PDB file of N, CA and C in Angstrom:
ATOM      1  N   MET A   1     -10.953-207.972 -13.296  1.00  0.00           N
ATOM      2  CA  MET A   1     -10.668-207.248 -14.277  1.00  0.00           C
ATOM      3  C   MET A   1      -9.923-206.192 -13.996  1.00  0.00           C
ATOM      4  N   ILE A   2     -10.202-205.477 -12.839  1.00  0.00           N
ATOM      5  CA  ILE A   2      -9.536-204.264 -12.267  1.00  0.00           C
ATOM      6  C   ILE A   2      -8.154-204.945 -12.047  1.00  0.00           C
ATOM      7  N   GLU A   3      -7.832-206.101 -11.463  1.00  0.00           N
ATOM      8  CA  GLU A   3      -6.549-206.578 -11.048  1.00  0.00           C
ATOM      9  C   GLU A   3      -5.828-206.634 -12.369  1.00  0.00           C
ATOM     10  N   ASP A   4      -6.619-207.406 -13.472  1.00  0.00           N
ATOM     11  CA  ASP A   4      -5.571-207.459 -14.656  1.00  0.00           C
ATOM     12  C   ASP A   4      -5.226-205.951 -15.096  1.00  0.00           C
ATOM     13  N   ALA A   5      -5.868-204.925 -15.124  1.00  0.00           N
ATOM     14  CA  ALA A   5      -5.482-203.830 -15.659  1.00  0.00           C
ATOM     15  C   ALA A   5      -4.360-203.133 -14.707  1.00  0.00           C
ATOM     16  N   GLU A   6      -4.466-203.371 -13.492  1.00  0.00           N
ATOM     17  CA  GLU A   6      -3.429-202.792 -12.640  1.00  0.00           C
ATOM     18  C   GLU A   6      -2.125-203.647 -13.017  1.00  0.00           C
ATOM     19  N   ARG A   7      -2.133-204.835 -13.094  1.00  0.00           N
ATOM     20  CA  ARG A   7      -1.019-205.611 -13.319  1.00  0.00           C
ATOM     21  C   ARG A   7      -0.337-205.151 -14.673  1.00  0.00           C
ATOM     22  N   TYR A   8      -1.272-205.383 -15.919  1.00  0.00           N
ATOM     23  CA  TYR A   8      -0.794-204.653 -17.186  1.00  0.00           C
ATOM     24  C   TYR A   8      -0.214-203.383 -16.878  1.00  0.00           C
ATOM     25  N   LYS A   9      -0.633-202.330 -16.158  1.00  0.00           N
ATOM     26  CA  LYS A   9      -0.234-201.174 -16.017  1.00  0.00           C
ATOM     27  C   LYS A   9       1.088-201.119 -15.417  1.00  0.00           C
ATOM     28  N   LEU A  10       1.366-201.922 -14.415  1.00  0.00           N
ATOM     29  CA  LEU A  10       2.537-202.075 -13.640  1.00  0.00           C
ATOM     30  C   LEU A  10       3.899-202.807 -14.649  1.00  0.00           C
ATOM     31  N   GLU A  11       3.431-203.902 -15.469  1.00  0.00           N
ATOM     32  CA  GLU A  11       4.104-204.175 -16.573  1.00  0.00           C
ATOM     33  C   GLU A  11       4.281-203.400 -17.639  1.00  0.00           C
ATOM     34  N   ASP A  12       3.583-202.672 -17.834  1.00  0.00           N
ATOM     35  CA  ASP A  12       3.800-201.441 -19.019  1.00  0.00           C
ATOM     36  C   ASP A  12       4.921-200.504 -18.444  1.00  0.00           C
ATOM     37  N   GLU A  13       4.725-200.023 -17.106  1.00  0.00           N
ATOM     38  CA  GLU A  13       5.578-199.020 -16.577  1.00  0.00           C
ATOM     39  C   GLU A  13       7.052-199.791 -16.427  1.00  0.00           C
ATOM     40  N   ALA A  14       7.129-201.139 -16.041  1.00  0.00           N
ATOM     41  CA  ALA A  14       8.509-201.651 -16.057  1.00  0.00           C
ATOM     42  C   ALA A  14       9.068-201.532 -17.464  1.00  0.00           C
ATOM     43  N   HIS A  15       8.399-201.964 -18.207  1.00  0.00           N
ATOM     44  CA  HIS A  15       8.844-202.146 -19.518  1.00  0.00           C
ATOM     45  C   HIS A  15       9.161-200.728 -20.223  1.00  0.00           C
ATOM     46  N   MET A  16       8.646-199.682 -19.559  1.00  0.00           N
ATOM     47  CA  MET A  16       8.975-198.133 -20.469  1.00  0.00           C
ATOM     48  C   MET A  16      10.311-197.877 -19.655  1.00  0.00           C
ATOM     49  N   LYS A  17      10.367-198.199 -18.485  1.00  0.00           N
ATOM     50  CA  LYS A  17      11.579-197.833 -17.631  1.00  0.00           C
ATOM     51  C   LYS A  17      12.742-198.623 -18.428  1.00  0.00           C
ATOM     52  N   LYS A  18      12.697-199.782 -18.727  1.00  0.00           N
ATOM     53  CA  LYS A  18      13.728-200.482 -19.437  1.00  0.00           C
ATOM     54  C   LYS A  18      14.221-199.991 -20.832  1.00  0.00           C
ATOM     55  N   VAL A  19      13.009-199.653 -21.516  1.00  0.00           N
ATOM     56  CA  VAL A  19      13.068-198.868 -22.778  1.00  0.00           C
ATOM     57  C   VAL A  19      13.851-197.635 -22.671  1.00  0.00           C
ATOM     58  N   MET A  20      13.566-196.928 -21.806  1.00  0.00           N
ATOM     59  CA  MET A  20      14.133-195.588 -21.515  1.00  0.00           C
ATOM     60  C   MET A  20      15.548-195.590 -21.060  1.00  0.00           C
ATOM     61  N   ALA A  21      15.946-196.475 -20.364  1.00  0.00           N
ATOM     62  CA  ALA A  21      17.215-196.669 -19.808  1.00  0.00           C
ATOM     63  C   ALA A  21      18.291-197.277 -20.909  1.00  0.00           C
ATOM     64  N   HIS A  22      17.721-198.229 -21.971  1.00  0.00           N
ATOM     65  CA  HIS A  22      18.308-198.565 -23.268  1.00  0.00           C
ATOM     66  C   HIS A  22      18.624-197.410 -24.012  1.00  0.00           C
ATOM     67  N   GLU A  23      17.481-196.514 -24.149  1.00  0.00           N
ATOM     68  CA  GLU A  23      17.787-195.378 -25.168  1.00  0.00           C
ATOM     69  C   GLU A  23      18.849-194.348 -24.463  1.00  0.00           C
ATOM     70  N   ALA A  24      18.702-194.357 -23.292  1.00  0.00           N
ATOM     71  CA  ALA A  24      19.596-193.263 -22.691  1.00  0.00           C
ATOM     72  C   ALA A  24      21.144-193.843 -22.702  1.00  0.00           C
ATOM     73  N   LEU A  25      21.303-195.095 -22.551  1.00  0.00           N
ATOM     74  CA  LEU A  25      22.789-195.539 -22.761  1.00  0.00           C
ATOM     75  C   LEU A  25      23.201-195.451 -24.231  1.00  0.00           C
ATOM     76  N   ALA A  26      22.240-195.881 -25.090  1.00  0.00           N
ATOM     77  CA  ALA A  26      22.578-195.781 -26.297  1.00  0.00           C
ATOM     78  C   ALA A  26      22.878-194.459 -26.781  1.00  0.00           C
ATOM     79  N   ASN A  27      22.144-193.691 -26.437  1.00  0.00           N
ATOM     80  CA  ASN A  27      22.339-191.961 -26.606  1.00  0.00           C
ATOM     81  C   ASN A  27      23.806-191.686 -26.109  1.00  0.00           C
ATOM     82  N   PHE A  28      23.954-191.950 -24.685  1.00  0.00           N
ATOM     83  CA  PHE A  28      25.348-191.733 -24.272  1.00  0.00           C
ATOM     84  C   PHE A  28      26.681-192.615 -25.007  1.00  0.00           C
ATOM     85  N   VAL A  29      26.304-193.511 -25.305  1.00  0.00           N
ATOM     86  CA  VAL A  29      27.674-194.448 -26.119  1.00  0.00           C
ATOM     87  C   VAL A  29      27.676-193.687 -27.444  1.00  0.00           C
ATOM     88  N   TYR A  30      26.819-193.375 -28.109  1.00  0.00           N
ATOM     89  CA  TYR A  30      26.983-192.846 -29.644  1.00  0.00           C
ATOM     90  C   TYR A  30      27.636-191.226 -29.511  1.00  0.00           C
ATOM     91  N   LYS A  31      27.130-190.670 -28.385  1.00  0.00           N
ATOM     92  CA  LYS A  31      27.703-189.299 -28.023  1.00  0.00           C
ATOM     93  C   LYS A  31      29.166-189.296 -27.568  1.00  0.00           C
ATOM     94  N   LEU A  32      29.405-190.286 -26.662  1.00  0.00           N
ATOM     95  CA  LEU A  32      30.868-190.514 -26.476  1.00  0.00           C
ATOM     96  C   LEU A  32      31.648-190.968 -27.923  1.00  0.00           C
ATOM     97  N   ARG A  33      31.174-191.633 -28.624  1.00  0.00           N
ATOM     98  CA  ARG A  33      31.942-192.060 -29.790  1.00  0.00           C
ATOM     99  C   ARG A  33      32.234-190.787 -30.742  1.00  0.00           C
ATOM    100  N   ALA A  34      30.968-189.984 -30.841  1.00  0.00           N
ATOM    101  CA  ALA A  34      31.161-188.881 -31.894  1.00  0.00           C
ATOM    102  C   ALA A  34      32.200-187.870 -31.248  1.00  0.00           C
ATOM    103  N   ASN A  35      32.072-187.641 -29.759  1.00  0.00           N
ATOM    104  CA  ASN A  35      33.088-186.988 -29.270  1.00  0.00           C
ATOM    105  C   ASN A  35      34.716-187.263 -29.283  1.00  0.00           C
ATOM    106  N   ILE A  36      34.819-188.351 -28.795  1.00  0.00           N
ATOM    107  CA  ILE A  36      36.199-189.034 -28.929  1.00  0.00           C
ATOM    108  C   ILE A  36      36.536-189.096 -30.390  1.00  0.00           C
ATOM    109  N   SER A  37      35.926-189.344 -31.156  1.00  0.00           N
ATOM    110  CA  SER A  37      36.335-189.400 -32.707  1.00  0.00           C
ATOM    111  C   SER A  37      36.649-187.976 -33.296  1.00  0.00           C
ATOM    112  N   GLU A  38      36.256-186.914 -32.580  1.00  0.00           N
ATOM    113  CA  GLU A  38      36.532-185.647 -33.225  1.00  0.00           C
ATOM    114  C   GLU A  38      37.969-185.474 -33.092  1.00  0.00           C
ATOM    115  N   TYR A  39      38.531-185.047 -34.410  1.00  0.00           N
ATOM    116  CA  TYR A  39      40.087-184.753 -34.485  1.00  0.00           C
ATOM    117  C   TYR A  39      40.792-184.043 -33.243  1.00  0.00           C
ATOM    118  N   THR A  40      39.999-182.724 -33.122  1.00  0.00           N
ATOM    119  CA  THR A  40      40.387-181.796 -31.948  1.00  0.00           C
ATOM    120  C   THR A  40      40.509-182.253 -30.554  1.00  0.00           C
ATOM    121  N   ILE A  41      39.395-183.400 -30.296  1.00  0.00           N
ATOM    122  CA  ILE A  41      39.324-184.043 -29.028  1.00  0.00           C
ATOM    123  C   ILE A  41      40.547-185.113 -29.096  1.00  0.00           C
ATOM    124  N   ARG A  42      40.902-185.799 -30.176  1.00  0.00           N
ATOM    125  CA  ARG A  42      41.930-186.804 -29.936  1.00  0.00           C
ATOM    126  C   ARG A  42      43.453-185.910 -29.710  1.00  0.00           C
ATOM    127  N   MET A  43      43.480-184.968 -30.532  1.00  0.00           N
ATOM    128  CA  MET A  43      44.492-184.373 -30.278  1.00  0.00           C
ATOM    129  C   MET A  43      44.704-183.743 -28.876  1.00  0.00           C
ATOM    130  N   LYS A  44      43.797-183.262 -28.427  1.00  0.00           N
ATOM    131  CA  LYS A  44      43.855-182.919 -27.132  1.00  0.00           C
ATOM    132  C   LYS A  44      44.157-183.921 -26.105  1.00  0.00           C
ATOM    133  N   LEU A  45      43.533-185.026 -26.256  1.00  0.00           N
ATOM    134  CA  LEU A  45      43.686-186.278 -25.455  1.00  0.00           C
ATOM    135  C   LEU A  45      45.086-186.762 -25.510  1.00  0.00           C
ATOM    136  N   ARG A  46      45.387-186.880 -27.007  1.00  0.00           N
ATOM    137  CA  ARG A  46      46.841-187.166 -27.414  1.00  0.00           C
ATOM    138  C   ARG A  46      47.899-186.443 -26.494  1.00  0.00           C
ATOM    139  N   GLU A  47      47.865-185.171 -26.416  1.00  0.00           N
ATOM    140  CA  GLU A  47      48.684-184.312 -25.896  1.00  0.00           C
ATOM    141  C   GLU A  47      48.655-184.390 -24.483  1.00  0.00           C
ATOM    142  N   THR A  48      47.606-184.662 -23.971  1.00  0.00           N
ATOM    143  CA  THR A  48      47.775-184.291 -22.390  1.00  0.00           C
ATOM    144  C   THR A  48      47.565-185.835 -21.352  1.00  0.00           C
ATOM    145  N   VAL A  49      46.818-186.601 -21.968  1.00  0.00           N
ATOM    146  CA  VAL A  49      46.469-187.676 -21.184  1.00  0.00           C
ATOM    147  C   VAL A  49      46.634-189.092 -21.911  1.00  0.00           C
ATOM    148  N   LEU A  50      46.404-189.227 -23.131  1.00  0.00           N
ATOM    149  CA  LEU A  50      46.214-190.563 -23.703  1.00  0.00           C
ATOM    150  C   LEU A  50      47.445-190.813 -24.874  1.00  0.00           C
ATOM    151  N   SER A  51      47.747-192.195 -24.999  1.00  0.00           N
ATOM    152  CA  SER A  51      48.407-192.476 -26.212  1.00  0.00           C
ATOM    153  C   SER A  51      47.586-192.906 -27.336  1.00  0.00           C
ATOM    154  N   VAL A  52      48.301-192.844 -28.284  1.00  0.00           N
ATOM    155  CA  VAL A  52      47.325-193.486 -29.613  1.00  0.00           C
ATOM    156  C   VAL A  52      46.881-195.059 -29.290  1.00  0.00           C
ATOM    157  N   LYS A  53      47.771-195.790 -28.542  1.00  0.00           N
ATOM    158  CA  LYS A  53      47.052-197.082 -28.271  1.00  0.00           C
ATOM    159  C   LYS A  53      46.015-196.848 -27.236  1.00  0.00           C
ATOM    160  N   ASP A  54      45.936-196.099 -26.290  1.00  0.00           N
ATOM    161  CA  ASP A  54      44.948-195.719 -25.397  1.00  0.00           C
ATOM    162  C   ASP A  54      43.886-195.215 -26.149  1.00  0.00           C
ATOM    163  N   LEU A  55      43.805-194.588 -27.086  1.00  0.00           N
ATOM    164  CA  LEU A  55      42.655-194.064 -27.920  1.00  0.00           C
ATOM    165  C   LEU A  55      41.994-195.091 -28.610  1.00  0.00           C
ATOM    166  N   GLU A  56      42.795-195.929 -29.204  1.00  0.00           N
ATOM    167  CA  GLU A  56      42.507-197.266 -29.700  1.00  0.00           C
ATOM    168  C   GLU A  56      41.667-198.248 -29.205  1.00  0.00           C
ATOM    169  N   GLY A  57      41.797-198.357 -27.907  1.00  0.00           N
ATOM    170  CA  GLY A  57      41.317-198.964 -26.781  1.00  0.00           C
ATOM    171  C   GLY A  57      40.152-198.517 -26.312  1.00  0.00           C
ATOM    172  N   ILE A  58      40.005-197.078 -26.128  1.00  0.00           N
ATOM    173  CA  ILE A  58      38.753-196.462 -25.983  1.00  0.00           C
ATOM    174  C   ILE A  58      37.661-196.774 -27.249  1.00  0.00           C
ATOM    175  N   ASP A  59      38.218-196.649 -28.392  1.00  0.00           N
ATOM    176  CA  ASP A  59      37.473-196.902 -29.495  1.00  0.00           C
ATOM    177  C   ASP A  59      36.838-198.374 -29.567  1.00  0.00           C
ATOM    178  N   LEU A  60      37.670-199.187 -29.204  1.00  0.00           N
ATOM    179  CA  LEU A  60      37.176-200.661 -29.066  1.00  0.00           C
ATOM    180  C   LEU A  60      36.432-200.802 -28.088  1.00  0.00           C
ATOM    181  N   GLN A  61      36.293-200.086 -26.973  1.00  0.00           N
ATOM    182  CA  GLN A  61      35.372-200.508 -25.752  1.00  0.00           C
ATOM    183  C   GLN A  61      33.927-199.694 -26.371  1.00  0.00           C
ATOM    184  N   ILE A  62      34.029-198.679 -26.933  1.00  0.00           N
ATOM    185  CA  ILE A  62      32.860-198.027 -27.412  1.00  0.00           C
ATOM    186  C   ILE A  62      32.129-198.928 -28.206  1.00  0.00           C
ATOM    187  N   GLU A  63      32.723-199.322 -29.359  1.00  0.00           N
ATOM    188  CA  GLU A  63      32.212-200.443 -30.400  1.00  0.00           C
ATOM    189  C   GLU A  63      31.831-201.764 -29.704  1.00  0.00           C
ATOM    190  N   GLU A  64      32.317-202.036 -28.670  1.00  0.00           N
ATOM    191  CA  GLU A  64      31.939-203.161 -27.936  1.00  0.00           C
ATOM    192  C   GLU A  64      30.574-202.848 -27.068  1.00  0.00           C
ATOM    193  N   ALA A  65      30.554-201.681 -26.588  1.00  0.00           N
ATOM    194  CA  ALA A  65      29.393-201.269 -26.104  1.00  0.00           C
ATOM    195  C   ALA A  65      28.143-200.999 -26.955  1.00  0.00           C
ATOM    196  N   ILE A  66      28.433-200.626 -28.127  1.00  0.00           N
ATOM    197  CA  ILE A  66      27.249-200.493 -29.204  1.00  0.00           C
ATOM    198  C   ILE A  66      26.880-201.903 -29.630  1.00  0.00           C
ATOM    199  N   GLU A  67      27.630-203.002 -29.825  1.00  0.00           N
ATOM    200  CA  GLU A  67      27.566-204.180 -29.965  1.00  0.00           C
ATOM    201  C   GLU A  67      26.782-204.865 -29.009  1.00  0.00           C
ATOM    202  N   TRP A  68      26.957-204.572 -27.722  1.00  0.00           N
ATOM    203  CA  TRP A  68      26.344-205.133 -26.709  1.00  0.00           C
ATOM    204  C   TRP A  68      25.048-204.607 -26.792  1.00  0.00           C
ATOM    205  N   LEU A  69      24.702-203.431 -26.869  1.00  0.00           N
ATOM    206  CA  LEU A  69      23.422-202.811 -26.965  1.00  0.00           C
ATOM    207  C   LEU A  69      22.486-203.398 -27.939  1.00  0.00           C
ATOM    208  N   ASN A  70      23.051-203.635 -29.174  1.00  0.00           N
ATOM    209  CA  ASN A  70      22.457-204.263 -30.214  1.00  0.00           C
ATOM    210  C   ASN A  70      21.910-205.620 -30.026  1.00  0.00           C
ATOM    211  N   GLU A  71      23.017-206.476 -29.292  1.00  0.00           N
ATOM    212  CA  GLU A  71      22.669-207.944 -29.032  1.00  0.00           C
ATOM    213  C   GLU A  71      21.601-208.004 -27.701  1.00  0.00           C
ATOM    214  N   HIS A  72      21.712-206.829 -26.965  1.00  0.00           N
ATOM    215  CA  HIS A  72      20.755-206.930 -25.732  1.00  0.00           C
ATOM    216  C   HIS A  72      19.626-205.859 -25.844  1.00  0.00           C
ATOM    217  N   PRO A  73      18.620-205.835 -26.516  1.00  0.00           N
ATOM    218  CA  PRO A  73      17.577-204.928 -26.726  1.00  0.00           C
ATOM    219  C   PRO A  73      16.778-205.028 -25.341  1.00  0.00           C
ATOM    220  N   ASP A  74      16.774-206.063 -24.973  1.00  0.00           N
ATOM    221  CA  ASP A  74      15.914-206.527 -23.764  1.00  0.00           C
ATOM    222  C   ASP A  74      16.654-206.681 -22.370  1.00  0.00           C
ATOM    223  N   ALA A  75      17.637-205.829 -22.322  1.00  0.00           N
ATOM    224  CA  ALA A  75      18.665-206.050 -21.163  1.00  0.00           C
ATOM    225  C   ALA A  75      17.777-205.269 -19.870  1.00  0.00           C
ATOM    226  N   GLU A  76      18.015-205.973 -18.897  1.00  0.00           N
ATOM    227  CA  GLU A  76      17.476-205.338 -17.546  1.00  0.00           C
ATOM    228  C   GLU A  76      18.187-204.168 -17.185  1.00  0.00           C
ATOM    229  N   ILE A  77      17.472-203.286 -16.584  1.00  0.00           N
ATOM    230  CA  ILE A  77      18.031-201.985 -16.264  1.00  0.00           C
ATOM    231  C   ILE A  77      19.353-201.836 -15.322  1.00  0.00           C
ATOM    232  N   VAL A  78      19.708-202.925 -14.510  1.00  0.00           N
ATOM    233  CA  VAL A  78      20.854-203.004 -13.816  1.00  0.00           C
ATOM    234  C   VAL A  78      21.898-203.204 -14.699  1.00  0.00           C
ATOM    235  N   ASP A  79      21.776-204.204 -15.559  1.00  0.00           N
ATOM    236  CA  ASP A  79      22.636-204.381 -16.466  1.00  0.00           C
ATOM    237  C   ASP A  79      23.288-203.310 -17.445  1.00  0.00           C
ATOM    238  N   LEU A  80      21.857-202.276 -17.675  1.00  0.00           N
ATOM    239  CA  LEU A  80      22.133-200.995 -18.780  1.00  0.00           C
ATOM    240  C   LEU A  80      23.040-200.160 -17.807  1.00  0.00           C
ATOM    241  N   GLU A  81      22.715-200.066 -16.567  1.00  0.00           N
ATOM    242  CA  GLU A  81      23.329-199.127 -15.800  1.00  0.00           C
ATOM    243  C   GLU A  81      24.944-199.514 -15.265  1.00  0.00           C
ATOM    244  N   ASP A  82      25.169-201.108 -15.353  1.00  0.00           N
ATOM    245  CA  ASP A  82      26.388-201.456 -15.168  1.00  0.00           C
ATOM    246  C   ASP A  82      27.287-200.766 -16.337  1.00  0.00           C
ATOM    247  N   LYS A  83      26.687-201.234 -17.535  1.00  0.00           N
ATOM    248  CA  LYS A  83      27.481-200.754 -18.883  1.00  0.00           C
ATOM    249  C   LYS A  83      27.767-199.251 -18.877  1.00  0.00           C
ATOM    250  N   GLU A  84      26.635-198.511 -18.320  1.00  0.00           N
ATOM    251  CA  GLU A  84      27.107-197.180 -18.053  1.00  0.00           C
ATOM    252  C   GLU A  84      28.267-196.946 -17.205  1.00  0.00           C
ATOM    253  N   VAL A  85      28.128-197.327 -16.190  1.00  0.00           N
ATOM    254  CA  VAL A  85      29.354-197.327 -15.406  1.00  0.00           C
ATOM    255  C   VAL A  85      30.810-197.524 -16.071  1.00  0.00           C
ATOM    256  N   GLU A  86      30.723-198.634 -16.645  1.00  0.00           N
ATOM    257  CA  GLU A  86      32.079-198.823 -17.603  1.00  0.00           C
ATOM    258  C   GLU A  86      32.477-197.788 -18.424  1.00  0.00           C
ATOM    259  N   LEU A  87      31.407-196.905 -19.053  1.00  0.00           N
ATOM    260  CA  LEU A  87      31.683-196.039 -20.182  1.00  0.00           C
ATOM    261  C   LEU A  87      31.828-194.918 -19.342  1.00  0.00           C
ATOM    262  N   ASN A  88      31.450-194.392 -18.237  1.00  0.00           N
ATOM    263  CA  ASN A  88      31.753-193.437 -17.333  1.00  0.00           C
ATOM    264  C   ASN A  88      33.140-193.404 -16.888  1.00  0.00           C
ATOM    265  N   GLU A  89      33.707-194.751 -16.673  1.00  0.00           N
ATOM    266  CA  GLU A  89      35.093-194.701 -16.186  1.00  0.00           C
ATOM    267  C   GLU A  89      36.166-194.287 -17.521  1.00  0.00           C
ATOM    268  N   ILE A  90      35.490-194.287 -18.807  1.00  0.00           N
ATOM    269  CA  ILE A  90      36.330-193.930 -19.885  1.00  0.00           C
ATOM    270  C   ILE A  90      36.525-192.367 -19.767  1.00  0.00           C
ATOM    271  N   CYS A  91      35.441-191.979 -19.569  1.00  0.00           N
ATOM    272  CA  CYS A  91      35.309-190.237 -19.428  1.00  0.00           C
ATOM    273  C   CYS A  91      36.035-189.832 -18.062  1.00  0.00           C
ATOM    274  N   ARG A  92      36.042-190.520 -17.079  1.00  0.00           N
ATOM    275  CA  ARG A  92      36.642-190.078 -15.938  1.00  0.00           C
ATOM    276  C   ARG A  92      38.442-190.368 -16.187  1.00  0.00           C
ATOM    277  N   LEU A  93      38.642-191.486 -16.828  1.00  0.00           N
ATOM    278  CA  LEU A  93      40.053-191.304 -17.076  1.00  0.00           C
ATOM    279  C   LEU A  93      40.417-190.404 -18.244  1.00  0.00           C
ATOM    280  N   THR A  94      39.690-190.040 -18.943  1.00  0.00           N
ATOM    281  CA  THR A  94      40.141-188.971 -20.051  1.00  0.00           C
ATOM    282  C   THR A  94      39.883-187.635 -19.445  1.00  0.00           C
ATOM    283  N   LYS A  95      39.266-187.454 -18.440  1.00  0.00           N
ATOM    284  CA  LYS A  95      38.905-186.055 -17.663  1.00  0.00           C
ATOM    285  C   LYS A  95      38.196-185.240 -18.300  1.00  0.00           C
ATOM    286  N   LEU A  96      37.253-185.923 -19.219  1.00  0.00           N
ATOM    287  CA  LEU A  96      36.342-185.190 -20.133  1.00  0.00           C
ATOM    288  C   LEU A  96      34.771-185.565 -19.770  1.00  0.00           C
ATOM    289  N   SER A  97      33.797-184.670 -19.783  1.00  0.00           N
ATOM    290  CA  SER A  97      32.696-185.251 -19.501  1.00  0.00           C
ATOM    291  C   SER A  97      31.763-185.122 -20.940  1.00  0.00           C
ATOM    292  N   PHE A  98      31.122-186.355 -21.382  1.00  0.00           N
ATOM    293  CA  PHE A  98      30.491-186.429 -22.670  1.00  0.00           C
ATOM    294  C   PHE A  98      29.060-186.478 -21.982  1.00  0.00           C
ATOM    295  N   HIS A  99      28.614-186.643 -20.841  1.00  0.00           N
ATOM    296  CA  HIS A  99      26.984-186.759 -20.465  1.00  0.00           C
ATOM    297  C   HIS A  99      26.234-185.809 -20.664  1.00  0.00           C
TER     298      HIS A  99
END
């Protein structure tokens, strides 16, 4: 009985870590989308770094990340972290921090 309780505790902790990683990535994606969408940021990016085509590509990547999150609610932590690395690359390329 004690062994079962310990096993369930470990399973609960692992599940909680996955849920927290999923929520963290979702928050980051939606924050990135909101910030990228703001007109002033778009204008700043357009004038300094990115073209309209680049901005459309970023919007597409963000929408794909949102779709991926919705399609993978039980994704493993490593997959969530990989997706976050991809999105951080967007931030690096735009020289802006949205985290």
